[in-house]
Amino acid sequence: MPIFHECQRCTACCRWPGQVRLSDAEITRLAAFKGMAEREFIERYTKLRSDRRGLTLLEKPNGECVFLDGNNCSVQSVKPQQCRDFPNLWNFHGFEKTCHAIPRVVGQAEQVRLIAQATQRSSDEVARLLESKL
C-alpha cells in the first residue's frame, strides 16, 4: 500500500548532519531571498560537496542546517528541493525514530497528488520518481 508521510515541521531532518546539495537555480533563488549577490551567498552559506561535483549548504558546528533558526526554517518558502523531498521521495533506514512525519496509507493517485503538493513537483514527475523506486 502506498504511504504518504505528512511533515509536522519537527525540524529533526534539519538537525542531521549531511549534505544538502544545491542546484544553480536553488542558489539563485536562495541568494535573492536573502537579498544578496549569488557570489556572496556562495561564500557565506556553501561549501564544495565531498564528491567535488557541486555545492552543499554549510552546517552549524552541531550539524544543524545553517538556515535552522530555533525550530523554524528561515528559508522555508525557498528551501532546496532535497529538503522538500524528504521523507516521501527519499529517506533512510530508521528515519522514523526521530522524524515526526505522520505516515498515512493512501491510494496510489492520492500519494502522487500529496507528494506533488508537498514537494512542489508536477504529478507526472512524482509518478516517474515513485515508479523508478520500485
C-alpha atoms as a PDB file:
ATOM      1  CA  MET A   1       0.000   0.000   0.000  1.00  0.00           C
ATOM      2  CA  PRO A   2       1.292   3.480  -0.814  1.00  0.00           C
ATOM      3  CA  ILE A   3       2.239   5.650   2.157  1.00  0.00           C
ATOM      4  CA  PHE A   4       2.406   9.434   2.431  1.00  0.00           C
ATOM      5  CA  HIS A   5       4.391  10.953   5.299  1.00  0.00           C
ATOM      6  CA  GLU A   6       2.801  14.217   6.409  1.00  0.00           C
ATOM      7  CA  CYS A   7       5.512  16.607   7.595  1.00  0.00           C
ATOM      8  CA  GLN A   8       4.941  18.079  11.059  1.00  0.00           C
ATOM      9  CA  ARG A   9       7.829  20.558  10.732  1.00  0.00           C
ATOM     10  CA  CYS A  10       9.540  18.959  13.712  1.00  0.00           C
ATOM     11  CA  THR A  11      12.929  20.038  12.226  1.00  0.00           C
ATOM     12  CA  ALA A  12      14.552  16.685  13.014  1.00  0.00           C
ATOM     13  CA  CYS A  13      15.715  16.405   9.394  1.00  0.00           C
ATOM     14  CA  CYS A  14      17.309  19.862   9.700  1.00  0.00           C
ATOM     15  CA  ARG A  15      19.409  18.672  12.636  1.00  0.00           C
ATOM     16  CA  TRP A  16      21.001  15.620  10.980  1.00  0.00           C
ATOM     17  CA  PRO A  17      24.496  16.121   9.624  1.00  0.00           C
ATOM     18  CA  GLY A  18      24.691  15.531   5.897  1.00  0.00           C
ATOM     19  CA  GLN A  19      24.941  17.240   2.573  1.00  0.00           C
ATOM     20  CA  VAL A  20      22.110  19.371   1.200  1.00  0.00           C
ATOM     21  CA  ARG A  21      23.034  19.593  -2.464  1.00  0.00           C
ATOM     22  CA  LEU A  22      22.211  22.803  -4.301  1.00  0.00           C
ATOM     23  CA  SER A  23      21.420  23.362  -7.960  1.00  0.00           C
ATOM     24  CA  ASP A  24      22.353  26.604  -9.697  1.00  0.00           C
ATOM     25  CA  ALA A  25      18.673  27.610  -9.716  1.00  0.00           C
ATOM     26  CA  GLU A  26      18.414  26.999  -5.959  1.00  0.00           C
ATOM     27  CA  ILE A  27      21.479  29.151  -5.321  1.00  0.00           C
ATOM     28  CA  THR A  28      19.921  31.945  -7.384  1.00  0.00           C
ATOM     29  CA  ARG A  29      16.598  31.636  -5.532  1.00  0.00           C
ATOM     30  CA  LEU A  30      18.167  31.443  -2.058  1.00  0.00           C
ATOM     31  CA  ALA A  31      20.506  34.383  -2.732  1.00  0.00           C
ATOM     32  CA  ALA A  32      17.600  36.528  -3.946  1.00  0.00           C
ATOM     33  CA  PHE A  33      15.556  35.540  -0.884  1.00  0.00           C
ATOM     34  CA  LYS A  34      18.451  36.537   1.394  1.00  0.00           C
ATOM     35  CA  GLY A  35      18.884  39.800  -0.558  1.00  0.00           C
ATOM     36  CA  MET A  36      22.470  39.178  -1.598  1.00  0.00           C
ATOM     37  CA  ALA A  37      24.527  38.521  -4.684  1.00  0.00           C
ATOM     38  CA  GLU A  38      24.990  34.870  -5.638  1.00  0.00           C
ATOM     39  CA  ARG A  39      28.746  35.086  -5.087  1.00  0.00           C
ATOM     40  CA  GLU A  40      28.224  36.426  -1.562  1.00  0.00           C
ATOM     41  CA  PHE A  41      25.651  33.708  -0.844  1.00  0.00           C
ATOM     42  CA  ILE A  42      28.035  31.003  -2.084  1.00  0.00           C
ATOM     43  CA  GLU A  43      30.921  32.315   0.027  1.00  0.00           C
ATOM     44  CA  ARG A  44      28.798  32.699   3.146  1.00  0.00           C
ATOM     45  CA  TYR A  45      26.480  29.675   3.082  1.00  0.00           C
ATOM     46  CA  THR A  46      28.002  26.902   0.954  1.00  0.00           C
ATOM     47  CA  LYS A  47      30.988  24.617   0.587  1.00  0.00           C
ATOM     48  CA  LEU A  48      32.231  22.209  -2.060  1.00  0.00           C
ATOM     49  CA  ARG A  49      30.490  18.826  -1.896  1.00  0.00           C
ATOM     50  CA  SER A  50      32.585  15.861  -0.814  1.00  0.00           C
ATOM     51  CA  ASP A  51      32.423  14.450  -4.361  1.00  0.00           C
ATOM     52  CA  ARG A  52      33.618  17.860  -5.654  1.00  0.00           C
ATOM     53  CA  ARG A  53      30.711  17.983  -8.124  1.00  0.00           C
ATOM     54  CA  GLY A  54      28.793  20.950  -6.802  1.00  0.00           C
ATOM     55  CA  LEU A  55      27.929  22.902  -3.700  1.00  0.00           C
ATOM     56  CA  THR A  56      26.191  21.957  -0.482  1.00  0.00           C
ATOM     57  CA  LEU A  57      24.822  24.069   2.352  1.00  0.00           C
ATOM     58  CA  LEU A  58      27.072  24.684   5.309  1.00  0.00           C
ATOM     59  CA  GLU A  59      26.197  23.162   8.658  1.00  0.00           C
ATOM     60  CA  LYS A  60      26.479  24.706  12.086  1.00  0.00           C
ATOM     61  CA  PRO A  61      29.161  23.125  14.332  1.00  0.00           C
ATOM     62  CA  ASN A  62      26.468  20.896  15.909  1.00  0.00           C
ATOM     63  CA  GLY A  63      25.415  19.517  12.487  1.00  0.00           C
ATOM     64  CA  GLU A  64      22.255  21.600  12.117  1.00  0.00           C
ATOM     65  CA  CYS A  65      21.398  23.308   8.858  1.00  0.00           C
ATOM     66  CA  VAL A  66      22.803  26.812   8.635  1.00  0.00           C
ATOM     67  CA  PHE A  67      19.247  28.074   7.982  1.00  0.00           C
ATOM     68  CA  LEU A  68      17.648  26.456  11.026  1.00  0.00           C
ATOM     69  CA  ASP A  69      16.589  29.236  13.407  1.00  0.00           C
ATOM     70  CA  GLY A  70      15.397  27.614  16.617  1.00  0.00           C
ATOM     71  CA  ASN A  71      12.608  25.346  15.387  1.00  0.00           C
ATOM     72  CA  ASN A  72      11.999  27.215  12.145  1.00  0.00           C
ATOM     73  CA  CYS A  73      13.495  27.109   8.675  1.00  0.00           C
ATOM     74  CA  SER A  74      14.490  30.677   7.852  1.00  0.00           C
ATOM     75  CA  VAL A  75      14.239  29.893   4.111  1.00  0.00           C
ATOM     76  CA  GLN A  76      11.075  27.735   4.258  1.00  0.00           C
ATOM     77  CA  SER A  77       9.409  29.279   1.203  1.00  0.00           C
ATOM     78  CA  VAL A  78      12.511  28.739  -0.975  1.00  0.00           C
ATOM     79  CA  LYS A  79      14.133  25.735   0.702  1.00  0.00           C
ATOM     80  CA  PRO A  80      16.112  23.327  -1.511  1.00  0.00           C
ATOM     81  CA  GLN A  81      14.334  20.517  -3.359  1.00  0.00           C
ATOM     82  CA  GLN A  82      16.251  17.897  -1.368  1.00  0.00           C
ATOM     83  CA  CYS A  83      14.599  19.258   1.782  1.00  0.00           C
ATOM     84  CA  ARG A  84      11.153  19.328   0.161  1.00  0.00           C
ATOM     85  CA  ASP A  85      11.506  15.716  -0.992  1.00  0.00           C
ATOM     86  CA  PHE A  86      12.200  14.226   2.462  1.00  0.00           C
ATOM     87  CA  PRO A  87      10.804  11.781   3.607  1.00  0.00           C
ATOM     88  CA  ASN A  88       8.451  10.940   0.730  1.00  0.00           C
ATOM     89  CA  LEU A  89      10.855  10.752  -2.200  1.00  0.00           C
ATOM     90  CA  TRP A  90      13.951   9.817  -0.228  1.00  0.00           C
ATOM     91  CA  ASN A  91      14.691   8.734   3.326  1.00  0.00           C
ATOM     92  CA  PHE A  92      16.950   6.332   5.162  1.00  0.00           C
ATOM     93  CA  HIS A  93      16.532   3.296   7.364  1.00  0.00           C
ATOM     94  CA  GLY A  94      15.393   4.313  10.836  1.00  0.00           C
ATOM     95  CA  PHE A  95      14.370   7.885   9.994  1.00  0.00           C
ATOM     96  CA  GLU A  96      11.034   7.270  11.732  1.00  0.00           C
ATOM     97  CA  LYS A  97      12.805   7.120  15.111  1.00  0.00           C
ATOM     98  CA  THR A  98      13.427  10.876  15.097  1.00  0.00           C
ATOM     99  CA  CYS A  99      11.227  12.270  12.313  1.00  0.00           C
ATOM    100  CA  HIS A 100       7.691  13.082  13.466  1.00  0.00           C
ATOM    101  CA  ALA A 101       6.097  12.937   9.999  1.00  0.00           C
ATOM    102  CA  ILE A 102       2.773  11.121  10.224  1.00  0.00           C
ATOM    103  CA  PRO A 103       2.557   8.097   7.888  1.00  0.00           C
ATOM    104  CA  ARG A 104      -0.805   7.591   6.189  1.00  0.00           C
ATOM    105  CA  VAL A 105      -1.834   4.727   3.954  1.00  0.00           C
ATOM    106  CA  VAL A 106      -3.302   6.252   0.807  1.00  0.00           C
ATOM    107  CA  GLY A 107      -4.246   5.182  -2.690  1.00  0.00           C
ATOM    108  CA  GLN A 108      -1.659   5.498  -5.433  1.00  0.00           C
ATOM    109  CA  ALA A 109      -3.275   8.540  -7.085  1.00  0.00           C
ATOM    110  CA  GLU A 110      -3.637  10.249  -3.697  1.00  0.00           C
ATOM    111  CA  GLN A 111       0.005   9.511  -2.882  1.00  0.00           C
ATOM    112  CA  VAL A 112       1.130  11.161  -6.118  1.00  0.00           C
ATOM    113  CA  ARG A 113      -1.131  14.185  -5.515  1.00  0.00           C
ATOM    114  CA  LEU A 114       0.001  14.685  -1.907  1.00  0.00           C
ATOM    115  CA  ILE A 115       3.698  14.278  -2.696  1.00  0.00           C
ATOM    116  CA  ALA A 116       3.408  16.663  -5.649  1.00  0.00           C
ATOM    117  CA  GLN A 117       1.817  19.226  -3.357  1.00  0.00           C
ATOM    118  CA  ALA A 118       4.411  18.744  -0.586  1.00  0.00           C
ATOM    119  CA  THR A 119       7.433  18.817  -2.887  1.00  0.00           C
ATOM    120  CA  GLN A 120       6.195  21.399  -5.401  1.00  0.00           C
ATOM    121  CA  ARG A 121       6.846  18.957  -8.243  1.00  0.00           C
ATOM    122  CA  SER A 122       4.437  18.062 -11.040  1.00  0.00           C
ATOM    123  CA  SER A 123       2.280  14.962 -10.609  1.00  0.00           C
ATOM    124  CA  ASP A 124       3.890  13.416 -13.705  1.00  0.00           C
ATOM    125  CA  GLU A 125       7.369  13.926 -12.261  1.00  0.00           C
ATOM    126  CA  VAL A 126       6.351  12.438  -8.899  1.00  0.00           C
ATOM    127  CA  ALA A 127       4.777   9.418 -10.604  1.00  0.00           C
ATOM    128  CA  ARG A 128       8.001   8.816 -12.575  1.00  0.00           C
ATOM    129  CA  LEU A 129      10.151   9.158  -9.450  1.00  0.00           C
ATOM    130  CA  LEU A 130       7.966   6.760  -7.465  1.00  0.00           C
ATOM    131  CA  GLU A 131       7.971   4.266 -10.318  1.00  0.00           C
ATOM    132  CA  SER A 132      11.765   4.388 -10.525  1.00  0.00           C
ATOM    133  CA  LYS A 133      11.974   3.474  -6.809  1.00  0.00           C
ATOM    134  CA  LEU A 134      10.129   0.174  -7.382  1.00  0.00           C
END
